[in-house]
PDB file of all heavy atoms in Angstrom:
ATOM      1  N   ALA A   1       4.483 -24.475   2.415  1.00  0.00           N
ATOM      2  CA  ALA A   1       4.049 -25.406   1.390  1.00  0.00           C
ATOM      3  C   ALA A   1       3.168 -24.695   0.387  1.00  0.00           C
ATOM      4  O   ALA A   1       2.864 -25.382  -0.719  1.00  0.00           O
ATOM      5  CB  ALA A   1       3.191 -26.549   2.104  1.00  0.00           C
ATOM      6  N   GLY A   2       2.692 -23.530   0.582  1.00  0.00           N
ATOM      7  CA  GLY A   2       1.917 -22.749  -0.311  1.00  0.00           C
ATOM      8  C   GLY A   2       1.474 -21.581   0.394  1.00  0.00           C
ATOM      9  O   GLY A   2       1.574 -21.427   1.619  1.00  0.00           O
ATOM     10  N   ALA A   3       0.896 -20.566  -0.275  1.00  0.00           N
ATOM     11  CA  ALA A   3       0.484 -19.320   0.361  1.00  0.00           C
ATOM     12  C   ALA A   3      -0.667 -18.657  -0.420  1.00  0.00           C
ATOM     13  O   ALA A   3      -0.779 -18.822  -1.628  1.00  0.00           O
ATOM     14  CB  ALA A   3       1.629 -18.376   0.514  1.00  0.00           C
ATOM     15  N   VAL A   4      -1.426 -17.930   0.392  1.00  0.00           N
ATOM     16  CA  VAL A   4      -2.507 -17.089  -0.111  1.00  0.00           C
ATOM     17  C   VAL A   4      -2.310 -15.700   0.394  1.00  0.00           C
ATOM     18  O   VAL A   4      -2.215 -15.540   1.654  1.00  0.00           O
ATOM     19  CB  VAL A   4      -3.930 -17.644   0.267  1.00  0.00           C
ATOM     20  CG1 VAL A   4      -4.995 -16.756  -0.225  1.00  0.00           C
ATOM     21  CG2 VAL A   4      -4.106 -19.088  -0.223  1.00  0.00           C
ATOM     22  N   ALA A   5      -2.211 -14.729  -0.436  1.00  0.00           N
ATOM     23  CA  ALA A   5      -2.050 -13.328  -0.106  1.00  0.00           C
ATOM     24  C   ALA A   5      -3.306 -12.547  -0.479  1.00  0.00           C
ATOM     25  O   ALA A   5      -3.603 -12.396  -1.691  1.00  0.00           O
ATOM     26  CB  ALA A   5      -0.792 -12.726  -0.751  1.00  0.00           C
ATOM     27  N   VAL A   6      -4.103 -12.146   0.457  1.00  0.00           N
ATOM     28  CA  VAL A   6      -5.355 -11.477   0.298  1.00  0.00           C
ATOM     29  C   VAL A   6      -5.091  -9.894   0.356  1.00  0.00           C
ATOM     30  O   VAL A   6      -4.681  -9.375   1.417  1.00  0.00           O
ATOM     31  CB  VAL A   6      -6.413 -11.918   1.321  1.00  0.00           C
ATOM     32  CG1 VAL A   6      -7.754 -11.136   1.085  1.00  0.00           C
ATOM     33  CG2 VAL A   6      -6.558 -13.435   1.228  1.00  0.00           C
ATOM     34  N   ALA A   7      -5.436  -9.261  -0.727  1.00  0.00           N
ATOM     35  CA  ALA A   7      -5.208  -7.767  -0.766  1.00  0.00           C
ATOM     36  C   ALA A   7      -3.909  -7.411  -0.259  1.00  0.00           C
ATOM     37  O   ALA A   7      -3.779  -6.525   0.639  1.00  0.00           O
ATOM     38  CB  ALA A   7      -6.350  -7.087  -0.015  1.00  0.00           C
ATOM     39  N   PRO A   8      -2.801  -8.045  -0.759  1.00  0.00           N
ATOM     40  CA  PRO A   8      -1.488  -7.733  -0.177  1.00  0.00           C
ATOM     41  C   PRO A   8      -0.878  -6.416  -0.536  1.00  0.00           C
ATOM     42  O   PRO A   8      -1.094  -5.898  -1.699  1.00  0.00           O
ATOM     43  CB  PRO A   8      -0.633  -8.898  -0.825  1.00  0.00           C
ATOM     44  CG  PRO A   8      -1.231  -9.179  -2.104  1.00  0.00           C
ATOM     45  CD  PRO A   8      -2.700  -8.947  -1.876  1.00  0.00           C
ATOM     46  N   VAL A   9      -0.258  -5.760   0.362  1.00  0.00           N
ATOM     47  CA  VAL A   9       0.427  -4.502   0.185  1.00  0.00           C
ATOM     48  C   VAL A   9       1.491  -4.766  -0.982  1.00  0.00           C
ATOM     49  O   VAL A   9       2.184  -5.698  -0.949  1.00  0.00           O
ATOM     50  CB  VAL A   9       1.085  -4.097   1.409  1.00  0.00           C
ATOM     51  CG1 VAL A   9       2.035  -2.873   1.201  1.00  0.00           C
ATOM     52  CG2 VAL A   9       0.058  -3.673   2.499  1.00  0.00           C
ATOM     53  N   GLN A  10       1.634  -3.749  -1.825  1.00  0.00           N
ATOM     54  CA  GLN A  10       2.554  -3.896  -2.908  1.00  0.00           C
ATOM     55  C   GLN A  10       4.023  -3.868  -2.435  1.00  0.00           C
ATOM     56  O   GLN A  10       4.327  -3.238  -1.418  1.00  0.00           O
ATOM     57  CB  GLN A  10       2.371  -2.805  -3.970  1.00  0.00           C
ATOM     58  CG  GLN A  10       2.486  -1.389  -3.510  1.00  0.00           C
ATOM     59  CD  GLN A  10       1.166  -0.736  -3.281  1.00  0.00           C
ATOM     60  OE1 GLN A  10       0.358  -1.214  -2.484  1.00  0.00           O
ATOM     61  NE2 GLN A  10       0.916   0.279  -4.035  1.00  0.00           N
ATOM     62  N   PHE A  11       4.881  -4.567  -3.131  1.00  0.00           N
ATOM     63  CA  PHE A  11       6.291  -4.570  -2.866  1.00  0.00           C
ATOM     64  C   PHE A  11       7.149  -3.747  -3.878  1.00  0.00           C
ATOM     65  O   PHE A  11       6.550  -3.267  -4.854  1.00  0.00           O
ATOM     66  CB  PHE A  11       6.797  -6.027  -2.804  1.00  0.00           C
ATOM     67  CG  PHE A  11       6.307  -6.946  -4.007  1.00  0.00           C
ATOM     68  CD1 PHE A  11       7.011  -6.866  -5.191  1.00  0.00           C
ATOM     69  CD2 PHE A  11       5.251  -7.716  -3.817  1.00  0.00           C
ATOM     70  CE1 PHE A  11       6.617  -7.636  -6.278  1.00  0.00           C
ATOM     71  CE2 PHE A  11       4.761  -8.467  -4.957  1.00  0.00           C
ATOM     72  CZ  PHE A  11       5.471  -8.473  -6.136  1.00  0.00           C
ATOM     73  N   ARG A  12       8.357  -3.641  -3.624  1.00  0.00           N
ATOM     74  CA  ARG A  12       9.263  -2.888  -4.448  1.00  0.00           C
ATOM     75  C   ARG A  12       9.146  -3.452  -5.923  1.00  0.00           C
ATOM     76  O   ARG A  12       9.193  -4.607  -6.132  1.00  0.00           O
ATOM     77  CB  ARG A  12      10.721  -2.907  -4.001  1.00  0.00           C
ATOM     78  CG  ARG A  12      11.656  -2.154  -4.924  1.00  0.00           C
ATOM     79  CD  ARG A  12      13.061  -2.129  -4.284  1.00  0.00           C
ATOM     80  NE  ARG A  12      14.011  -1.640  -5.215  1.00  0.00           N
ATOM     81  CZ  ARG A  12      14.295  -0.339  -5.456  1.00  0.00           C
ATOM     82  NH1 ARG A  12      13.614   0.577  -4.768  1.00  0.00           N
ATOM     83  NH2 ARG A  12      15.211   0.016  -6.327  1.00  0.00           N
ATOM     84  N   GLY A  13       8.959  -2.568  -6.879  1.00  0.00           N
ATOM     85  CA  GLY A  13       8.796  -2.904  -8.283  1.00  0.00           C
ATOM     86  C   GLY A  13       7.411  -2.835  -8.753  1.00  0.00           C
ATOM     87  O   GLY A  13       7.204  -2.795  -9.977  1.00  0.00           O
ATOM     88  N   VAL A  14       6.422  -2.808  -7.855  1.00  0.00           N
ATOM     89  CA  VAL A  14       5.000  -2.603  -8.253  1.00  0.00           C
ATOM     90  C   VAL A  14       4.840  -1.100  -8.159  1.00  0.00           C
ATOM     91  O   VAL A  14       4.820  -0.513  -7.068  1.00  0.00           O
ATOM     92  CB  VAL A  14       4.043  -3.329  -7.282  1.00  0.00           C
ATOM     93  CG1 VAL A  14       2.658  -3.049  -7.703  1.00  0.00           C
ATOM     94  CG2 VAL A  14       4.279  -4.872  -7.335  1.00  0.00           C
ATOM     95  N   LEU A  15       4.676  -0.482  -9.259  1.00  0.00           N
ATOM     96  CA  LEU A  15       4.698   0.979  -9.331  1.00  0.00           C
ATOM     97  C   LEU A  15       3.326   1.613  -9.294  1.00  0.00           C
ATOM     98  O   LEU A  15       3.159   2.792  -9.057  1.00  0.00           O
ATOM     99  CB  LEU A  15       5.329   1.452 -10.656  1.00  0.00           C
ATOM    100  CG  LEU A  15       6.802   0.983 -10.895  1.00  0.00           C
ATOM    101  CD1 LEU A  15       7.280   1.508 -12.192  1.00  0.00           C
ATOM    102  CD2 LEU A  15       7.697   1.447  -9.779  1.00  0.00           C
ATOM    103  N   ARG A  16       2.277   0.870  -9.412  1.00  0.00           N
ATOM    104  CA  ARG A  16       0.947   1.350  -9.399  1.00  0.00           C
ATOM    105  C   ARG A  16       0.538   1.911  -8.031  1.00  0.00           C
ATOM    106  O   ARG A  16       0.651   1.158  -7.020  1.00  0.00           O
ATOM    107  CB  ARG A  16      -0.042   0.358  -9.871  1.00  0.00           C
ATOM    108  CG  ARG A  16      -1.479   0.820 -10.031  1.00  0.00           C
ATOM    109  CD  ARG A  16      -2.365  -0.105 -10.841  1.00  0.00           C
ATOM    110  NE  ARG A  16      -3.699   0.448 -11.070  1.00  0.00           N
ATOM    111  CZ  ARG A  16      -4.000   1.373 -11.927  1.00  0.00           C
ATOM    112  NH1 ARG A  16      -3.072   1.821 -12.745  1.00  0.00           N
ATOM    113  NH2 ARG A  16      -5.217   1.836 -12.041  1.00  0.00           N
ATOM    114  N   LEU A  17       0.042   3.143  -7.974  1.00  0.00           N
ATOM    115  CA  LEU A  17      -0.425   3.758  -6.723  1.00  0.00           C
ATOM    116  C   LEU A  17      -1.669   4.582  -7.024  1.00  0.00           C
ATOM    117  O   LEU A  17      -1.548   5.760  -7.316  1.00  0.00           O
ATOM    118  CB  LEU A  17       0.666   4.588  -6.102  1.00  0.00           C
ATOM    119  CG  LEU A  17       0.383   5.267  -4.795  1.00  0.00           C
ATOM    120  CD1 LEU A  17       0.043   4.219  -3.647  1.00  0.00           C
ATOM    121  CD2 LEU A  17       1.404   6.250  -4.331  1.00  0.00           C
ATOM    122  N   PRO A  18      -2.906   3.928  -7.105  1.00  0.00           N
ATOM    123  CA  PRO A  18      -4.077   4.677  -7.446  1.00  0.00           C
ATOM    124  C   PRO A  18      -4.370   5.819  -6.432  1.00  0.00           C
ATOM    125  O   PRO A  18      -4.008   5.736  -5.271  1.00  0.00           O
ATOM    126  CB  PRO A  18      -5.149   3.583  -7.357  1.00  0.00           C
ATOM    127  CG  PRO A  18      -4.384   2.337  -7.468  1.00  0.00           C
ATOM    128  CD  PRO A  18      -3.083   2.525  -6.848  1.00  0.00           C
ATOM    129  N   PRO A  19      -4.972   6.841  -6.890  1.00  0.00           N
ATOM    130  CA  PRO A  19      -5.268   8.008  -5.991  1.00  0.00           C
ATOM    131  C   PRO A  19      -6.046   7.589  -4.785  1.00  0.00           C
ATOM    132  O   PRO A  19      -5.844   8.133  -3.687  1.00  0.00           O
ATOM    133  CB  PRO A  19      -6.117   8.978  -6.829  1.00  0.00           C
ATOM    134  CG  PRO A  19      -5.622   8.602  -8.269  1.00  0.00           C
ATOM    135  CD  PRO A  19      -5.321   7.205  -8.270  1.00  0.00           C
ATOM    136  N   VAL A  20      -6.983   6.666  -4.902  1.00  0.00           N
ATOM    137  CA  VAL A  20      -7.807   6.286  -3.774  1.00  0.00           C
ATOM    138  C   VAL A  20      -6.936   5.573  -2.696  1.00  0.00           C
ATOM    139  O   VAL A  20      -7.156   5.729  -1.502  1.00  0.00           O
ATOM    140  CB  VAL A  20      -8.931   5.275  -4.183  1.00  0.00           C
ATOM    141  CG1 VAL A  20      -8.405   3.989  -4.646  1.00  0.00           C
ATOM    142  CG2 VAL A  20      -9.980   5.115  -3.128  1.00  0.00           C
ATOM    143  N   GLN A  21      -5.984   4.875  -3.155  1.00  0.00           N
ATOM    144  CA  GLN A  21      -5.032   4.252  -2.149  1.00  0.00           C
ATOM    145  C   GLN A  21      -4.126   5.290  -1.487  1.00  0.00           C
ATOM    146  O   GLN A  21      -3.895   5.249  -0.194  1.00  0.00           O
ATOM    147  CB  GLN A  21      -4.028   3.213  -2.827  1.00  0.00           C
ATOM    148  CG  GLN A  21      -3.155   2.440  -1.884  1.00  0.00           C
ATOM    149  CD  GLN A  21      -2.242   1.465  -2.564  1.00  0.00           C
ATOM    150  OE1 GLN A  21      -1.875   1.670  -3.712  1.00  0.00           O
ATOM    151  NE2 GLN A  21      -1.948   0.414  -1.889  1.00  0.00           N
ATOM    152  N   LEU A  22      -3.652   6.249  -2.188  1.00  0.00           N
ATOM    153  CA  LEU A  22      -2.885   7.295  -1.646  1.00  0.00           C
ATOM    154  C   LEU A  22      -3.691   8.078  -0.604  1.00  0.00           C
ATOM    155  O   LEU A  22      -3.204   8.443   0.510  1.00  0.00           O
ATOM    156  CB  LEU A  22      -2.381   8.255  -2.724  1.00  0.00           C
ATOM    157  CG  LEU A  22      -1.500   9.492  -2.264  1.00  0.00           C
ATOM    158  CD1 LEU A  22      -0.237   8.913  -1.566  1.00  0.00           C
ATOM    159  CD2 LEU A  22      -1.115  10.321  -3.447  1.00  0.00           C
ATOM    160  N   ALA A  23      -4.898   8.322  -0.954  1.00  0.00           N
ATOM    161  CA  ALA A  23      -5.786   9.023  -0.013  1.00  0.00           C
ATOM    162  C   ALA A  23      -5.992   8.312   1.265  1.00  0.00           C
ATOM    163  O   ALA A  23      -6.099   8.903   2.396  1.00  0.00           O
ATOM    164  CB  ALA A  23      -7.159   9.350  -0.624  1.00  0.00           C
ATOM    165  N   SER A  24      -6.017   6.923   1.191  1.00  0.00           N
ATOM    166  CA  SER A  24      -6.247   6.152   2.468  1.00  0.00           C
ATOM    167  C   SER A  24      -4.977   6.147   3.318  1.00  0.00           C
ATOM    168  O   SER A  24      -5.076   5.923   4.478  1.00  0.00           O
ATOM    169  CB  SER A  24      -6.596   4.687   2.056  1.00  0.00           C
ATOM    170  OG  SER A  24      -5.485   4.002   1.519  1.00  0.00           O
ATOM    171  N   LEU A  25      -3.811   6.413   2.685  1.00  0.00           N
ATOM    172  CA  LEU A  25      -2.495   6.397   3.439  1.00  0.00           C
ATOM    173  C   LEU A  25      -2.086   7.756   4.050  1.00  0.00           C
ATOM    174  O   LEU A  25      -1.475   7.804   5.023  1.00  0.00           O
ATOM    175  CB  LEU A  25      -1.412   5.971   2.472  1.00  0.00           C
ATOM    176  CG  LEU A  25      -1.478   4.537   1.914  1.00  0.00           C
ATOM    177  CD1 LEU A  25      -0.319   4.347   0.870  1.00  0.00           C
ATOM    178  CD2 LEU A  25      -1.394   3.477   3.045  1.00  0.00           C
ATOM    179  N   LEU A  26      -2.673   8.854   3.422  1.00  0.00           N
ATOM    180  CA  LEU A  26      -2.222  10.155   3.808  1.00  0.00           C
ATOM    181  C   LEU A  26      -2.409  10.496   5.255  1.00  0.00           C
ATOM    182  O   LEU A  26      -1.593  11.234   5.797  1.00  0.00           O
ATOM    183  CB  LEU A  26      -2.851  11.161   2.871  1.00  0.00           C
ATOM    184  CG  LEU A  26      -2.185  11.389   1.493  1.00  0.00           C
ATOM    185  CD1 LEU A  26      -2.930  12.417   0.654  1.00  0.00           C
ATOM    186  CD2 LEU A  26      -0.697  11.756   1.633  1.00  0.00           C
ATOM    187  N   PRO A  27      -3.527  10.120   5.843  1.00  0.00           N
ATOM    188  CA  PRO A  27      -3.704  10.458   7.289  1.00  0.00           C
ATOM    189  C   PRO A  27      -2.558  10.012   8.191  1.00  0.00           C
ATOM    190  O   PRO A  27      -2.290  10.584   9.193  1.00  0.00           O
ATOM    191  CB  PRO A  27      -5.043   9.797   7.664  1.00  0.00           C
ATOM    192  CG  PRO A  27      -5.762   9.724   6.361  1.00  0.00           C
ATOM    193  CD  PRO A  27      -4.721   9.431   5.358  1.00  0.00           C
ATOM    194  N   VAL A  28      -1.916   8.912   7.787  1.00  0.00           N
ATOM    195  CA  VAL A  28      -0.746   8.485   8.557  1.00  0.00           C
ATOM    196  C   VAL A  28       0.497   9.054   8.045  1.00  0.00           C
ATOM    197  O   VAL A  28       1.292   9.559   8.887  1.00  0.00           O
ATOM    198  CB  VAL A  28      -0.627   6.942   8.499  1.00  0.00           C
ATOM    199  CG1 VAL A  28       0.554   6.426   9.212  1.00  0.00           C
ATOM    200  CG2 VAL A  28      -1.931   6.284   9.064  1.00  0.00           C
ATOM    201  N   LEU A  29       0.744   9.091   6.794  1.00  0.00           N
ATOM    202  CA  LEU A  29       1.980   9.458   6.205  1.00  0.00           C
ATOM    203  C   LEU A  29       2.262  11.030   6.388  1.00  0.00           C
ATOM    204  O   LEU A  29       3.443  11.386   6.389  1.00  0.00           O
ATOM    205  CB  LEU A  29       2.055   9.158   4.715  1.00  0.00           C
ATOM    206  CG  LEU A  29       1.946   7.612   4.367  1.00  0.00           C
ATOM    207  CD1 LEU A  29       2.035   7.394   2.862  1.00  0.00           C
ATOM    208  CD2 LEU A  29       3.053   6.836   5.099  1.00  0.00           C
ATOM    209  N   ARG A  30       1.257  11.831   6.458  1.00  0.00           N
ATOM    210  CA  ARG A  30       1.463  13.234   6.537  1.00  0.00           C
ATOM    211  C   ARG A  30       2.095  13.711   7.857  1.00  0.00           C
ATOM    212  O   ARG A  30       2.577  14.813   7.966  1.00  0.00           O
ATOM    213  CB  ARG A  30       0.217  14.051   6.255  1.00  0.00           C
ATOM    214  CG  ARG A  30      -0.849  13.848   7.247  1.00  0.00           C
ATOM    215  CD  ARG A  30      -2.162  14.493   6.769  1.00  0.00           C
ATOM    216  NE  ARG A  30      -3.283  14.290   7.631  1.00  0.00           N
ATOM    217  CZ  ARG A  30      -4.530  14.529   7.295  1.00  0.00           C
ATOM    218  NH1 ARG A  30      -4.832  14.971   6.136  1.00  0.00           N
ATOM    219  NH2 ARG A  30      -5.499  14.272   8.167  1.00  0.00           N
ATOM    220  N   ASN A  31       2.101  12.819   8.831  1.00  0.00           N
ATOM    221  CA  ASN A  31       2.724  13.124  10.140  1.00  0.00           C
ATOM    222  C   ASN A  31       4.000  12.225  10.323  1.00  0.00           C
ATOM    223  O   ASN A  31       3.855  11.052  10.612  1.00  0.00           O
ATOM    224  CB  ASN A  31       1.790  12.902  11.271  1.00  0.00           C
ATOM    225  CG  ASN A  31       2.401  13.270  12.626  1.00  0.00           C
ATOM    226  OD1 ASN A  31       3.567  13.604  12.730  1.00  0.00           O
ATOM    227  ND2 ASN A  31       1.513  13.276  13.590  1.00  0.00           N
ATOM    228  N   PRO A  32       5.179  12.750  10.113  1.00  0.00           N
ATOM    229  CA  PRO A  32       6.449  11.992  10.145  1.00  0.00           C
ATOM    230  C   PRO A  32       6.597  11.262  11.488  1.00  0.00           C
ATOM    231  O   PRO A  32       7.314  10.204  11.567  1.00  0.00           O
ATOM    232  CB  PRO A  32       7.527  12.910   9.812  1.00  0.00           C
ATOM    233  CG  PRO A  32       6.895  14.045   9.151  1.00  0.00           C
ATOM    234  CD  PRO A  32       5.466  14.141   9.728  1.00  0.00           C
ATOM    235  N   ARG A  33       6.020  11.830  12.591  1.00  0.00           N
ATOM    236  CA  ARG A  33       6.262  11.151  13.878  1.00  0.00           C
ATOM    237  C   ARG A  33       5.568   9.854  13.965  1.00  0.00           C
ATOM    238  O   ARG A  33       5.949   9.004  14.852  1.00  0.00           O
ATOM    239  CB  ARG A  33       5.643  12.116  14.938  1.00  0.00           C
ATOM    240  CG  ARG A  33       6.537  13.413  15.198  1.00  0.00           C
ATOM    241  CD  ARG A  33       5.922  14.263  16.216  1.00  0.00           C
ATOM    242  NE  ARG A  33       4.528  14.744  15.826  1.00  0.00           N
ATOM    243  CZ  ARG A  33       3.826  15.577  16.532  1.00  0.00           C
ATOM    244  NH1 ARG A  33       4.275  15.954  17.742  1.00  0.00           N
ATOM    245  NH2 ARG A  33       2.672  16.064  16.104  1.00  0.00           N
TER     246      ARG A  33
END
């Protein structure tokens, strides 16, 4: 009936990726396992 998205992860088509966000993701992404 309606929705609220708080600090939602970006979806395809949202191209913005600030350096601070990339830094927060790297500890997980740098290990493919």
